[in-house]
Amino acid sequence: MSRSYFTEEQKLVKTNFPKWTFDDCYTIREILYDKGYFINCVSRIACDGKYHDAWQVQREDIPQLIEQLFRQRLVVEVQAEGSYNAAIIFGYDYAAETIIDAVSRFQKNKEGKL
């Protein structure tokens, strides 16, 4: 009993995430929504075991989104999630401005499902 118990503030998890601000996530989401994609900005653990910014997307949109990211030379990881969803994880911690610039150049969703 030589050490005291943690205080409530010490119990809080301290992370430097999300690196993208709420406004950045809103901008990304709105641009992609206008192009026919429905995404949510989230944080996910990548293969390096660290948290990174990510998108939660519908699985049926994965091929088109990966193609668009490939054309913009952005490296991502893809992880399956439940209920017909998947996560696109940005393991290289791209700045929000880089992602906003890239999604602005995406082509519209060919399926047109929204």
PDB file of N, CA and C in Angstrom:
ATOM      1  N   MET A   1       0.811  -1.189   0.000  1.00  0.00           N
ATOM      2  CA  MET A   1       0.000   0.000   0.000  1.00  0.00           C
ATOM      3  C   MET A   1       0.857   1.257   0.000  1.00  0.00           C
ATOM      4  N   SER A   2       1.982   1.198  -0.668  1.00  0.00           N
ATOM      5  CA  SER A   2       2.853   2.374  -0.674  1.00  0.00           C
ATOM      6  C   SER A   2       2.441   3.391  -1.733  1.00  0.00           C
ATOM      7  N   ARG A   3       1.672   2.963  -2.737  1.00  0.00           N
ATOM      8  CA  ARG A   3       1.242   3.901  -3.778  1.00  0.00           C
ATOM      9  C   ARG A   3      -0.230   4.213  -3.595  1.00  0.00           C
ATOM     10  N   SER A   4      -0.589   5.459  -3.905  1.00  0.00           N
ATOM     11  CA  SER A   4      -1.994   5.851  -3.798  1.00  0.00           C
ATOM     12  C   SER A   4      -2.747   5.421  -5.052  1.00  0.00           C
ATOM     13  N   TYR A   5      -4.058   5.381  -4.930  1.00  0.00           N
ATOM     14  CA  TYR A   5      -4.896   5.052  -6.071  1.00  0.00           C
ATOM     15  C   TYR A   5      -4.871   6.183  -7.087  1.00  0.00           C
ATOM     16  N   PHE A   6      -5.146   5.831  -8.351  1.00  0.00           N
ATOM     17  CA  PHE A   6      -5.221   6.851  -9.398  1.00  0.00           C
ATOM     18  C   PHE A   6      -6.411   7.761  -9.147  1.00  0.00           C
ATOM     19  N   THR A   7      -6.250   9.038  -9.464  1.00  0.00           N
ATOM     20  CA  THR A   7      -7.362   9.976  -9.397  1.00  0.00           C
ATOM     21  C   THR A   7      -8.205   9.808 -10.653  1.00  0.00           C
ATOM     22  N   GLU A   8      -9.372  10.438 -10.667  1.00  0.00           N
ATOM     23  CA  GLU A   8     -10.249  10.341 -11.844  1.00  0.00           C
ATOM     24  C   GLU A   8      -9.574  10.929 -13.081  1.00  0.00           C
ATOM     25  N   GLU A   9      -8.805  11.987 -12.940  1.00  0.00           N
ATOM     26  CA  GLU A   9      -8.115  12.580 -14.089  1.00  0.00           C
ATOM     27  C   GLU A   9      -6.997  11.676 -14.589  1.00  0.00           C
ATOM     28  N   GLN A  10      -6.330  10.979 -13.704  1.00  0.00           N
ATOM     29  CA  GLN A  10      -5.263  10.077 -14.120  1.00  0.00           C
ATOM     30  C   GLN A  10      -5.809   8.855 -14.850  1.00  0.00           C
ATOM     31  N   LYS A  11      -7.060   8.513 -14.595  1.00  0.00           N
ATOM     32  CA  LYS A  11      -7.675   7.373 -15.253  1.00  0.00           C
ATOM     33  C   LYS A  11      -8.085   7.669 -16.687  1.00  0.00           C
ATOM     34  N   LEU A  12      -8.200   8.940 -17.042  1.00  0.00           N
ATOM     35  CA  LEU A  12      -8.618   9.301 -18.390  1.00  0.00           C
ATOM     36  C   LEU A  12      -7.547   8.919 -19.397  1.00  0.00           C
ATOM     37  N   VAL A  13      -7.982   8.429 -20.528  1.00  0.00           N
ATOM     38  CA  VAL A  13      -7.059   8.071 -21.590  1.00  0.00           C
ATOM     39  C   VAL A  13      -6.630   9.345 -22.300  1.00  0.00           C
ATOM     40  N   LYS A  14      -5.346   9.483 -22.494  1.00  0.00           N
ATOM     41  CA  LYS A  14      -4.819  10.664 -23.182  1.00  0.00           C
ATOM     42  C   LYS A  14      -4.229  10.221 -24.515  1.00  0.00           C
ATOM     43  N   THR A  15      -4.822  10.691 -25.569  1.00  0.00           N
ATOM     44  CA  THR A  15      -4.302  10.401 -26.901  1.00  0.00           C
ATOM     45  C   THR A  15      -4.213  11.698 -27.679  1.00  0.00           C
ATOM     46  N   ASN A  16      -3.412  11.677 -28.680  1.00  0.00           N
ATOM     47  CA  ASN A  16      -3.328  12.833 -29.567  1.00  0.00           C
ATOM     48  C   ASN A  16      -4.176  12.598 -30.809  1.00  0.00           C
ATOM     49  N   PHE A  17      -5.278  11.870 -30.622  1.00  0.00           N
ATOM     50  CA  PHE A  17      -6.207  11.617 -31.701  1.00  0.00           C
ATOM     51  C   PHE A  17      -7.536  12.189 -31.343  1.00  0.00           C
ATOM     52  N   PRO A  18      -8.358  12.538 -32.251  1.00  0.00           N
ATOM     53  CA  PRO A  18      -8.119  12.449 -33.689  1.00  0.00           C
ATOM     54  C   PRO A  18      -7.224  13.577 -34.179  1.00  0.00           C
ATOM     55  N   LYS A  19      -6.383  13.254 -35.129  1.00  0.00           N
ATOM     56  CA  LYS A  19      -5.526  14.282 -35.712  1.00  0.00           C
ATOM     57  C   LYS A  19      -6.337  15.206 -36.614  1.00  0.00           C
ATOM     58  N   TRP A  20      -7.373  14.646 -37.229  1.00  0.00           N
ATOM     59  CA  TRP A  20      -8.268  15.476 -38.030  1.00  0.00           C
ATOM     60  C   TRP A  20      -9.281  16.111 -37.075  1.00  0.00           C
ATOM     61  N   THR A  21      -9.536  17.384 -37.240  1.00  0.00           N
ATOM     62  CA  THR A  21     -10.521  18.061 -36.397  1.00  0.00           C
ATOM     63  C   THR A  21     -11.933  17.692 -36.849  1.00  0.00           C
ATOM     64  N   PHE A  22     -12.898  18.061 -36.037  1.00  0.00           N
ATOM     65  CA  PHE A  22     -14.292  17.806 -36.402  1.00  0.00           C
ATOM     66  C   PHE A  22     -14.642  18.525 -37.703  1.00  0.00           C
ATOM     67  N   ASP A  23     -14.166  19.758 -37.854  1.00  0.00           N
ATOM     68  CA  ASP A  23     -14.440  20.507 -39.084  1.00  0.00           C
ATOM     69  C   ASP A  23     -13.820  19.828 -40.303  1.00  0.00           C
ATOM     70  N   ASP A  24     -12.600  19.290 -40.142  1.00  0.00           N
ATOM     71  CA  ASP A  24     -11.964  18.562 -41.242  1.00  0.00           C
ATOM     72  C   ASP A  24     -12.787  17.340 -41.629  1.00  0.00           C
ATOM     73  N   CYS A  25     -13.219  16.592 -40.622  1.00  0.00           N
ATOM     74  CA  CYS A  25     -14.030  15.393 -40.883  1.00  0.00           C
ATOM     75  C   CYS A  25     -15.343  15.765 -41.562  1.00  0.00           C
ATOM     76  N   TYR A  26     -15.952  16.852 -41.121  1.00  0.00           N
ATOM     77  CA  TYR A  26     -17.212  17.298 -41.726  1.00  0.00           C
ATOM     78  C   TYR A  26     -16.994  17.672 -43.190  1.00  0.00           C
ATOM     79  N   THR A  27     -15.910  18.364 -43.482  1.00  0.00           N
ATOM     80  CA  THR A  27     -15.600  18.756 -44.859  1.00  0.00           C
ATOM     81  C   THR A  27     -15.388  17.532 -45.735  1.00  0.00           C
ATOM     82  N   ILE A  28     -14.612  16.572 -45.253  1.00  0.00           N
ATOM     83  CA  ILE A  28     -14.356  15.345 -46.008  1.00  0.00           C
ATOM     84  C   ILE A  28     -15.666  14.602 -46.261  1.00  0.00           C
ATOM     85  N   ARG A  29     -16.461  14.474 -45.222  1.00  0.00           N
ATOM     86  CA  ARG A  29     -17.733  13.746 -45.333  1.00  0.00           C
ATOM     87  C   ARG A  29     -18.672  14.424 -46.326  1.00  0.00           C
ATOM     88  N   GLU A  30     -18.755  15.741 -46.291  1.00  0.00           N
ATOM     89  CA  GLU A  30     -19.647  16.471 -47.202  1.00  0.00           C
ATOM     90  C   GLU A  30     -19.190  16.363 -48.658  1.00  0.00           C
ATOM     91  N   ILE A  31     -17.889  16.468 -48.894  1.00  0.00           N
ATOM     92  CA  ILE A  31     -17.375  16.347 -50.261  1.00  0.00           C
ATOM     93  C   ILE A  31     -17.704  14.962 -50.820  1.00  0.00           C
ATOM     94  N   LEU A  32     -17.452  13.931 -50.006  1.00  0.00           N
ATOM     95  CA  LEU A  32     -17.717  12.572 -50.479  1.00  0.00           C
ATOM     96  C   LEU A  32     -19.209  12.297 -50.608  1.00  0.00           C
ATOM     97  N   TYR A  33     -20.013  12.869 -49.745  1.00  0.00           N
ATOM     98  CA  TYR A  33     -21.467  12.694 -49.850  1.00  0.00           C
ATOM     99  C   TYR A  33     -21.972  13.279 -51.165  1.00  0.00           C
ATOM    100  N   ASP A  34     -21.462  14.458 -51.534  1.00  0.00           N
ATOM    101  CA  ASP A  34     -21.851  15.077 -52.800  1.00  0.00           C
ATOM    102  C   ASP A  34     -21.422  14.245 -54.007  1.00  0.00           C
ATOM    103  N   LYS A  35     -20.376  13.440 -53.824  1.00  0.00           N
ATOM    104  CA  LYS A  35     -19.905  12.583 -54.911  1.00  0.00           C
ATOM    105  C   LYS A  35     -20.547  11.192 -54.883  1.00  0.00           C
ATOM    106  N   GLY A  36     -21.444  10.953 -53.928  1.00  0.00           N
ATOM    107  CA  GLY A  36     -22.185   9.705 -53.901  1.00  0.00           C
ATOM    108  C   GLY A  36     -21.657   8.649 -52.948  1.00  0.00           C
ATOM    109  N   TYR A  37     -20.775   9.019 -52.024  1.00  0.00           N
ATOM    110  CA  TYR A  37     -20.229   8.078 -51.054  1.00  0.00           C
ATOM    111  C   TYR A  37     -20.679   8.483 -49.658  1.00  0.00           C
ATOM    112  N   PHE A  38     -21.031   7.502 -48.852  1.00  0.00           N
ATOM    113  CA  PHE A  38     -21.398   7.776 -47.471  1.00  0.00           C
ATOM    114  C   PHE A  38     -20.283   7.254 -46.571  1.00  0.00           C
ATOM    115  N   ILE A  39     -19.619   8.147 -45.828  1.00  0.00           N
ATOM    116  CA  ILE A  39     -18.520   7.753 -44.945  1.00  0.00           C
ATOM    117  C   ILE A  39     -18.703   8.394 -43.577  1.00  0.00           C
ATOM    118  N   ASN A  40     -18.052   7.802 -42.594  1.00  0.00           N
ATOM    119  CA  ASN A  40     -17.908   8.386 -41.266  1.00  0.00           C
ATOM    120  C   ASN A  40     -16.428   8.423 -40.945  1.00  0.00           C
ATOM    121  N   CYS A  41     -15.945   9.517 -40.391  1.00  0.00           N
ATOM    122  CA  CYS A  41     -14.555   9.603 -39.950  1.00  0.00           C
ATOM    123  C   CYS A  41     -14.459   9.004 -38.551  1.00  0.00           C
ATOM    124  N   VAL A  42     -13.550   8.055 -38.393  1.00  0.00           N
ATOM    125  CA  VAL A  42     -13.381   7.347 -37.131  1.00  0.00           C
ATOM    126  C   VAL A  42     -11.884   7.152 -36.876  1.00  0.00           C
ATOM    127  N   SER A  43     -11.535   6.583 -35.746  1.00  0.00           N
ATOM    128  CA  SER A  43     -10.157   6.186 -35.446  1.00  0.00           C
ATOM    129  C   SER A  43     -10.116   4.674 -35.360  1.00  0.00           C
ATOM    130  N   ARG A  44      -9.103   4.079 -35.948  1.00  0.00           N
ATOM    131  CA  ARG A  44      -8.946   2.627 -35.927  1.00  0.00           C
ATOM    132  C   ARG A  44      -7.479   2.285 -35.672  1.00  0.00           C
ATOM    133  N   ILE A  45      -7.245   1.073 -35.200  1.00  0.00           N
ATOM    134  CA  ILE A  45      -5.889   0.591 -34.974  1.00  0.00           C
ATOM    135  C   ILE A  45      -5.399  -0.062 -36.256  1.00  0.00           C
ATOM    136  N   ALA A  46      -4.248   0.385 -36.730  1.00  0.00           N
ATOM    137  CA  ALA A  46      -3.662  -0.166 -37.956  1.00  0.00           C
ATOM    138  C   ALA A  46      -2.751  -1.335 -37.606  1.00  0.00           C
ATOM    139  N   CYS A  47      -2.072  -1.875 -38.596  1.00  0.00           N
ATOM    140  CA  CYS A  47      -1.222  -3.039 -38.379  1.00  0.00           C
ATOM    141  C   CYS A  47      -0.022  -2.728 -37.489  1.00  0.00           C
ATOM    142  N   ASP A  48       0.303  -1.451 -37.296  1.00  0.00           N
ATOM    143  CA  ASP A  48       1.402  -1.086 -36.402  1.00  0.00           C
ATOM    144  C   ASP A  48       0.972  -1.014 -34.938  1.00  0.00           C
ATOM    145  N   GLY A  49      -0.312  -1.257 -34.668  1.00  0.00           N
ATOM    146  CA  GLY A  49      -0.811  -1.262 -33.304  1.00  0.00           C
ATOM    147  C   GLY A  49      -1.115   0.109 -32.739  1.00  0.00           C
ATOM    148  N   LYS A  50      -1.112   1.131 -33.586  1.00  0.00           N
ATOM    149  CA  LYS A  50      -1.380   2.501 -33.150  1.00  0.00           C
ATOM    150  C   LYS A  50      -2.672   3.004 -33.777  1.00  0.00           C
ATOM    151  N   TYR A  51      -3.281   3.998 -33.115  1.00  0.00           N
ATOM    152  CA  TYR A  51      -4.505   4.590 -33.647  1.00  0.00           C
ATOM    153  C   TYR A  51      -4.192   5.536 -34.797  1.00  0.00           C
ATOM    154  N   HIS A  52      -5.036   5.470 -35.822  1.00  0.00           N
ATOM    155  CA  HIS A  52      -4.912   6.348 -36.984  1.00  0.00           C
ATOM    156  C   HIS A  52      -6.302   6.793 -37.404  1.00  0.00           C
ATOM    157  N   ASP A  53      -6.366   7.900 -38.133  1.00  0.00           N
ATOM    158  CA  ASP A  53      -7.639   8.353 -38.681  1.00  0.00           C
ATOM    159  C   ASP A  53      -8.084   7.353 -39.737  1.00  0.00           C
ATOM    160  N   ALA A  54      -9.396   7.182 -39.837  1.00  0.00           N
ATOM    161  CA  ALA A  54      -9.938   6.194 -40.777  1.00  0.00           C
ATOM    162  C   ALA A  54     -11.328   6.630 -41.224  1.00  0.00           C
ATOM    163  N   TRP A  55     -11.804   5.957 -42.267  1.00  0.00           N
ATOM    164  CA  TRP A  55     -13.184   6.136 -42.729  1.00  0.00           C
ATOM    165  C   TRP A  55     -13.916   4.835 -42.499  1.00  0.00           C
ATOM    166  N   GLN A  56     -15.122   4.926 -42.032  1.00  0.00           N
ATOM    167  CA  GLN A  56     -16.004   3.762 -42.003  1.00  0.00           C
ATOM    168  C   GLN A  56     -16.930   3.915 -43.198  1.00  0.00           C
ATOM    169  N   VAL A  57     -16.902   2.929 -44.086  1.00  0.00           N
ATOM    170  CA  VAL A  57     -17.632   3.017 -45.357  1.00  0.00           C
ATOM    171  C   VAL A  57     -18.466   1.756 -45.559  1.00  0.00           C
ATOM    172  N   GLN A  58     -19.344   1.813 -46.538  1.00  0.00           N
ATOM    173  CA  GLN A  58     -20.112   0.638 -46.917  1.00  0.00           C
ATOM    174  C   GLN A  58     -19.218  -0.266 -47.769  1.00  0.00           C
ATOM    175  N   ARG A  59     -19.318  -1.560 -47.541  1.00  0.00           N
ATOM    176  CA  ARG A  59     -18.448  -2.499 -48.257  1.00  0.00           C
ATOM    177  C   ARG A  59     -18.622  -2.429 -49.762  1.00  0.00           C
ATOM    178  N   GLU A  60     -19.821  -2.146 -50.214  1.00  0.00           N
ATOM    179  CA  GLU A  60     -20.048  -2.104 -51.668  1.00  0.00           C
ATOM    180  C   GLU A  60     -19.311  -0.942 -52.327  1.00  0.00           C
ATOM    181  N   ASP A  61     -18.916   0.075 -51.546  1.00  0.00           N
ATOM    182  CA  ASP A  61     -18.171   1.217 -52.089  1.00  0.00           C
ATOM    183  C   ASP A  61     -16.662   1.028 -52.047  1.00  0.00           C
ATOM    184  N   ILE A  62     -16.190  -0.034 -51.404  1.00  0.00           N
ATOM    185  CA  ILE A  62     -14.747  -0.239 -51.239  1.00  0.00           C
ATOM    186  C   ILE A  62     -13.987  -0.266 -52.566  1.00  0.00           C
ATOM    187  N   PRO A  63     -14.407  -1.033 -53.579  1.00  0.00           N
ATOM    188  CA  PRO A  63     -13.617  -1.056 -54.821  1.00  0.00           C
ATOM    189  C   PRO A  63     -13.452   0.325 -55.458  1.00  0.00           C
ATOM    190  N   GLN A  64     -14.517   1.103 -55.488  1.00  0.00           N
ATOM    191  CA  GLN A  64     -14.438   2.429 -56.104  1.00  0.00           C
ATOM    192  C   GLN A  64     -13.583   3.383 -55.273  1.00  0.00           C
ATOM    193  N   LEU A  65     -13.739   3.345 -53.947  1.00  0.00           N
ATOM    194  CA  LEU A  65     -12.943   4.223 -53.089  1.00  0.00           C
ATOM    195  C   LEU A  65     -11.460   3.870 -53.136  1.00  0.00           C
ATOM    196  N   ILE A  66     -11.155   2.586 -53.148  1.00  0.00           N
ATOM    197  CA  ILE A  66      -9.750   2.170 -53.228  1.00  0.00           C
ATOM    198  C   ILE A  66      -9.141   2.608 -54.553  1.00  0.00           C
ATOM    199  N   GLU A  67      -9.901   2.488 -55.624  1.00  0.00           N
ATOM    200  CA  GLU A  67      -9.415   2.951 -56.933  1.00  0.00           C
ATOM    201  C   GLU A  67      -9.137   4.453 -56.912  1.00  0.00           C
ATOM    202  N   GLN A  68     -10.045   5.217 -56.303  1.00  0.00           N
ATOM    203  CA  GLN A  68      -9.859   6.669 -56.231  1.00  0.00           C
ATOM    204  C   GLN A  68      -8.639   7.021 -55.368  1.00  0.00           C
ATOM    205  N   LEU A  69      -8.462   6.332 -54.248  1.00  0.00           N
ATOM    206  CA  LEU A  69      -7.299   6.569 -53.390  1.00  0.00           C
ATOM    207  C   LEU A  69      -6.011   6.162 -54.103  1.00  0.00           C
ATOM    208  N   PHE A  70      -6.079   5.072 -54.862  1.00  0.00           N
ATOM    209  CA  PHE A  70      -4.931   4.618 -55.642  1.00  0.00           C
ATOM    210  C   PHE A  70      -4.520   5.676 -56.664  1.00  0.00           C
ATOM    211  N   ARG A  71      -5.486   6.277 -57.318  1.00  0.00           N
ATOM    212  CA  ARG A  71      -5.191   7.316 -58.312  1.00  0.00           C
ATOM    213  C   ARG A  71      -4.549   8.552 -57.686  1.00  0.00           C
ATOM    214  N   GLN A  72      -4.843   8.795 -56.410  1.00  0.00           N
ATOM    215  CA  GLN A  72      -4.269   9.949 -55.707  1.00  0.00           C
ATOM    216  C   GLN A  72      -2.965   9.581 -54.980  1.00  0.00           C
ATOM    217  N   ARG A  73      -2.521   8.342 -55.143  1.00  0.00           N
ATOM    218  CA  ARG A  73      -1.277   7.831 -54.550  1.00  0.00           C
ATOM    219  C   ARG A  73      -1.316   7.849 -53.017  1.00  0.00           C
ATOM    220  N   LEU A  74      -2.478   7.537 -52.438  1.00  0.00           N
ATOM    221  CA  LEU A  74      -2.623   7.469 -50.991  1.00  0.00           C
ATOM    222  C   LEU A  74      -2.594   6.003 -50.557  1.00  0.00           C
ATOM    223  N   VAL A  75      -1.764   5.703 -49.579  1.00  0.00           N
ATOM    224  CA  VAL A  75      -1.618   4.345 -49.071  1.00  0.00           C
ATOM    225  C   VAL A  75      -2.581   4.158 -47.904  1.00  0.00           C
ATOM    226  N   VAL A  76      -3.367   3.068 -47.944  1.00  0.00           N
ATOM    227  CA  VAL A  76      -4.350   2.808 -46.897  1.00  0.00           C
ATOM    228  C   VAL A  76      -4.361   1.320 -46.563  1.00  0.00           C
ATOM    229  N   GLU A  77      -4.984   1.014 -45.443  1.00  0.00           N
ATOM    230  CA  GLU A  77      -5.286  -0.362 -45.062  1.00  0.00           C
ATOM    231  C   GLU A  77      -6.800  -0.501 -45.056  1.00  0.00           C
ATOM    232  N   VAL A  78      -7.277  -1.697 -45.343  1.00  0.00           N
ATOM    233  CA  VAL A  78      -8.715  -1.957 -45.326  1.00  0.00           C
ATOM    234  C   VAL A  78      -8.993  -3.050 -44.314  1.00  0.00           C
ATOM    235  N   GLN A  79     -10.016  -2.825 -43.504  1.00  0.00           N
ATOM    236  CA  GLN A  79     -10.374  -3.786 -42.465  1.00  0.00           C
ATOM    237  C   GLN A  79     -11.876  -4.024 -42.516  1.00  0.00           C
ATOM    238  N   ALA A  80     -12.275  -5.274 -42.507  1.00  0.00           N
ATOM    239  CA  ALA A  80     -13.699  -5.603 -42.505  1.00  0.00           C
ATOM    240  C   ALA A  80     -14.306  -5.268 -41.153  1.00  0.00           C
ATOM    241  N   GLU A  81     -15.536  -4.756 -41.176  1.00  0.00           N
ATOM    242  CA  GLU A  81     -16.286  -4.473 -39.958  1.00  0.00           C
ATOM    243  C   GLU A  81     -17.680  -5.058 -40.138  1.00  0.00           C
ATOM    244  N   GLY A  82     -18.407  -5.189 -39.067  1.00  0.00           N
ATOM    245  CA  GLY A  82     -19.715  -5.817 -39.123  1.00  0.00           C
ATOM    246  C   GLY A  82     -20.744  -5.001 -39.871  1.00  0.00           C
ATOM    247  N   SER A  83     -21.871  -5.631 -40.151  1.00  0.00           N
ATOM    248  CA  SER A  83     -23.040  -4.992 -40.769  1.00  0.00           C
ATOM    249  C   SER A  83     -22.737  -4.323 -42.095  1.00  0.00           C
ATOM    250  N   TYR A  84     -22.067  -5.027 -42.983  1.00  0.00           N
ATOM    251  CA  TYR A  84     -21.801  -4.545 -44.341  1.00  0.00           C
ATOM    252  C   TYR A  84     -20.937  -3.296 -44.381  1.00  0.00           C
ATOM    253  N   ASN A  85     -20.103  -3.092 -43.375  1.00  0.00           N
ATOM    254  CA  ASN A  85     -19.204  -1.939 -43.328  1.00  0.00           C
ATOM    255  C   ASN A  85     -17.760  -2.402 -43.407  1.00  0.00           C
ATOM    256  N   ALA A  86     -16.898  -1.456 -43.723  1.00  0.00           N
ATOM    257  CA  ALA A  86     -15.459  -1.693 -43.725  1.00  0.00           C
ATOM    258  C   ALA A  86     -14.787  -0.398 -43.295  1.00  0.00           C
ATOM    259  N   ALA A  87     -13.546  -0.506 -42.865  1.00  0.00           N
ATOM    260  CA  ALA A  87     -12.774   0.673 -42.474  1.00  0.00           C
ATOM    261  C   ALA A  87     -11.614   0.851 -43.437  1.00  0.00           C
ATOM    262  N   ILE A  88     -11.422   2.073 -43.875  1.00  0.00           N
ATOM    263  CA  ILE A  88     -10.249   2.445 -44.664  1.00  0.00           C
ATOM    264  C   ILE A  88      -9.366   3.230 -43.707  1.00  0.00           C
ATOM    265  N   ILE A  89      -8.208   2.676 -43.363  1.00  0.00           N
ATOM    266  CA  ILE A  89      -7.335   3.240 -42.338  1.00  0.00           C
ATOM    267  C   ILE A  89      -6.157   3.947 -43.010  1.00  0.00           C
ATOM    268  N   PHE A  90      -5.935   5.196 -42.614  1.00  0.00           N
ATOM    269  CA  PHE A  90      -4.830   5.995 -43.147  1.00  0.00           C
ATOM    270  C   PHE A  90      -3.629   5.850 -42.208  1.00  0.00           C
ATOM    271  N   GLY A  91      -2.861   4.768 -42.392  1.00  0.00           N
ATOM    272  CA  GLY A  91      -1.754   4.438 -41.507  1.00  0.00           C
ATOM    273  C   GLY A  91      -0.572   5.379 -41.580  1.00  0.00           C
ATOM    274  N   TYR A  92      -0.489   6.184 -42.633  1.00  0.00           N
ATOM    275  CA  TYR A  92       0.624   7.113 -42.771  1.00  0.00           C
ATOM    276  C   TYR A  92       0.321   8.486 -42.175  1.00  0.00           C
ATOM    277  N   ASP A  93      -0.809   8.620 -41.499  1.00  0.00           N
ATOM    278  CA  ASP A  93      -1.193   9.870 -40.825  1.00  0.00           C
ATOM    279  C   ASP A  93      -1.112  11.086 -41.753  1.00  0.00           C
ATOM    280  N   TYR A  94      -1.819  10.988 -42.856  1.00  0.00           N
ATOM    281  CA  TYR A  94      -1.876  12.116 -43.780  1.00  0.00           C
ATOM    282  C   TYR A  94      -2.549  13.308 -43.107  1.00  0.00           C
ATOM    283  N   ALA A  95      -2.100  14.498 -43.441  1.00  0.00           N
ATOM    284  CA  ALA A  95      -2.743  15.711 -42.932  1.00  0.00           C
ATOM    285  C   ALA A  95      -4.137  15.829 -43.536  1.00  0.00           C
ATOM    286  N   ALA A  96      -5.028  16.463 -42.811  1.00  0.00           N
ATOM    287  CA  ALA A  96      -6.403  16.618 -43.287  1.00  0.00           C
ATOM    288  C   ALA A  96      -6.451  17.366 -44.610  1.00  0.00           C
ATOM    289  N   GLU A  97      -5.573  18.341 -44.778  1.00  0.00           N
ATOM    290  CA  GLU A  97      -5.548  19.118 -46.026  1.00  0.00           C
ATOM    291  C   GLU A  97      -5.218  18.228 -47.217  1.00  0.00           C
ATOM    292  N   THR A  98      -4.349  17.253 -47.012  1.00  0.00           N
ATOM    293  CA  THR A  98      -3.992  16.315 -48.086  1.00  0.00           C
ATOM    294  C   THR A  98      -5.202  15.484 -48.490  1.00  0.00           C
ATOM    295  N   ILE A  99      -5.947  15.008 -47.503  1.00  0.00           N
ATOM    296  CA  ILE A  99      -7.119  14.184 -47.782  1.00  0.00           C
ATOM    297  C   ILE A  99      -8.220  15.012 -48.428  1.00  0.00           C
ATOM    298  N   ILE A 100      -8.437  16.231 -47.922  1.00  0.00           N
ATOM    299  CA  ILE A 100      -9.467  17.110 -48.502  1.00  0.00           C
ATOM    300  C   ILE A 100      -9.140  17.410 -49.959  1.00  0.00           C
ATOM    301  N   ASP A 101      -7.883  17.688 -50.234  1.00  0.00           N
ATOM    302  CA  ASP A 101      -7.466  17.961 -51.613  1.00  0.00           C
ATOM    303  C   ASP A 101      -7.679  16.733 -52.492  1.00  0.00           C
ATOM    304  N   ALA A 102      -7.372  15.552 -51.956  1.00  0.00           N
ATOM    305  CA  ALA A 102      -7.524  14.319 -52.739  1.00  0.00           C
ATOM    306  C   ALA A 102      -8.989  14.005 -53.019  1.00  0.00           C
ATOM    307  N   VAL A 103      -9.849  14.084 -51.988  1.00  0.00           N
ATOM    308  CA  VAL A 103     -11.254  13.727 -52.208  1.00  0.00           C
ATOM    309  C   VAL A 103     -11.953  14.733 -53.111  1.00  0.00           C
ATOM    310  N   SER A 104     -11.438  15.934 -53.189  1.00  0.00           N
ATOM    311  CA  SER A 104     -12.013  16.920 -54.107  1.00  0.00           C
ATOM    312  C   SER A 104     -11.844  16.485 -55.555  1.00  0.00           C
ATOM    313  N   ARG A 105     -10.827  15.650 -55.814  1.00  0.00           N
ATOM    314  CA  ARG A 105     -10.563  15.184 -57.170  1.00  0.00           C
ATOM    315  C   ARG A 105     -11.154  13.810 -57.455  1.00  0.00           C
ATOM    316  N   PHE A 106     -11.851  13.221 -56.493  1.00  0.00           N
ATOM    317  CA  PHE A 106     -12.484  11.914 -56.711  1.00  0.00           C
ATOM    318  C   PHE A 106     -13.560  12.022 -57.777  1.00  0.00           C
ATOM    319  N   GLN A 107     -13.768  10.929 -58.502  1.00  0.00           N
ATOM    320  CA  GLN A 107     -14.874  10.845 -59.444  1.00  0.00           C
ATOM    321  C   GLN A 107     -16.143  10.488 -58.687  1.00  0.00           C
ATOM    322  N   LYS A 108     -17.275  10.778 -59.305  1.00  0.00           N
ATOM    323  CA  LYS A 108     -18.554  10.443 -58.672  1.00  0.00           C
ATOM    324  C   LYS A 108     -18.729   8.945 -58.584  1.00  0.00           C
ATOM    325  N   ASN A 109     -19.536   8.519 -57.616  1.00  0.00           N
ATOM    326  CA  ASN A 109     -19.845   7.110 -57.422  1.00  0.00           C
ATOM    327  C   ASN A 109     -20.579   6.584 -58.657  1.00  0.00           C
ATOM    328  N   LYS A 110     -20.026   5.567 -59.299  1.00  0.00           N
ATOM    329  CA  LYS A 110     -20.629   5.019 -60.514  1.00  0.00           C
ATOM    330  C   LYS A 110     -21.956   4.335 -60.255  1.00  0.00           C
ATOM    331  N   GLU A 111     -22.082   3.761 -59.067  1.00  0.00           N
ATOM    332  CA  GLU A 111     -23.322   3.070 -58.731  1.00  0.00           C
ATOM    333  C   GLU A 111     -24.440   4.051 -58.452  1.00  0.00           C
ATOM    334  N   GLY A 112     -24.100   5.216 -57.932  1.00  0.00           N
ATOM    335  CA  GLY A 112     -25.094   6.246 -57.662  1.00  0.00           C
ATOM    336  C   GLY A 112     -26.068   5.885 -56.570  1.00  0.00           C
ATOM    337  N   LYS A 113     -25.678   5.026 -55.659  1.00  0.00           N
ATOM    338  CA  LYS A 113     -26.565   4.586 -54.578  1.00  0.00           C
ATOM    339  C   LYS A 113     -26.372   5.468 -53.366  1.00  0.00           C
ATOM    340  N   LEU A 114     -27.387   6.181 -53.007  1.00  0.00           N
ATOM    341  CA  LEU A 114     -27.394   6.958 -51.768  1.00  0.00           C
ATOM    342  C   LEU A 114     -28.783   7.189 -51.298  1.00  0.00           C
TER     343      LEU A 114
END
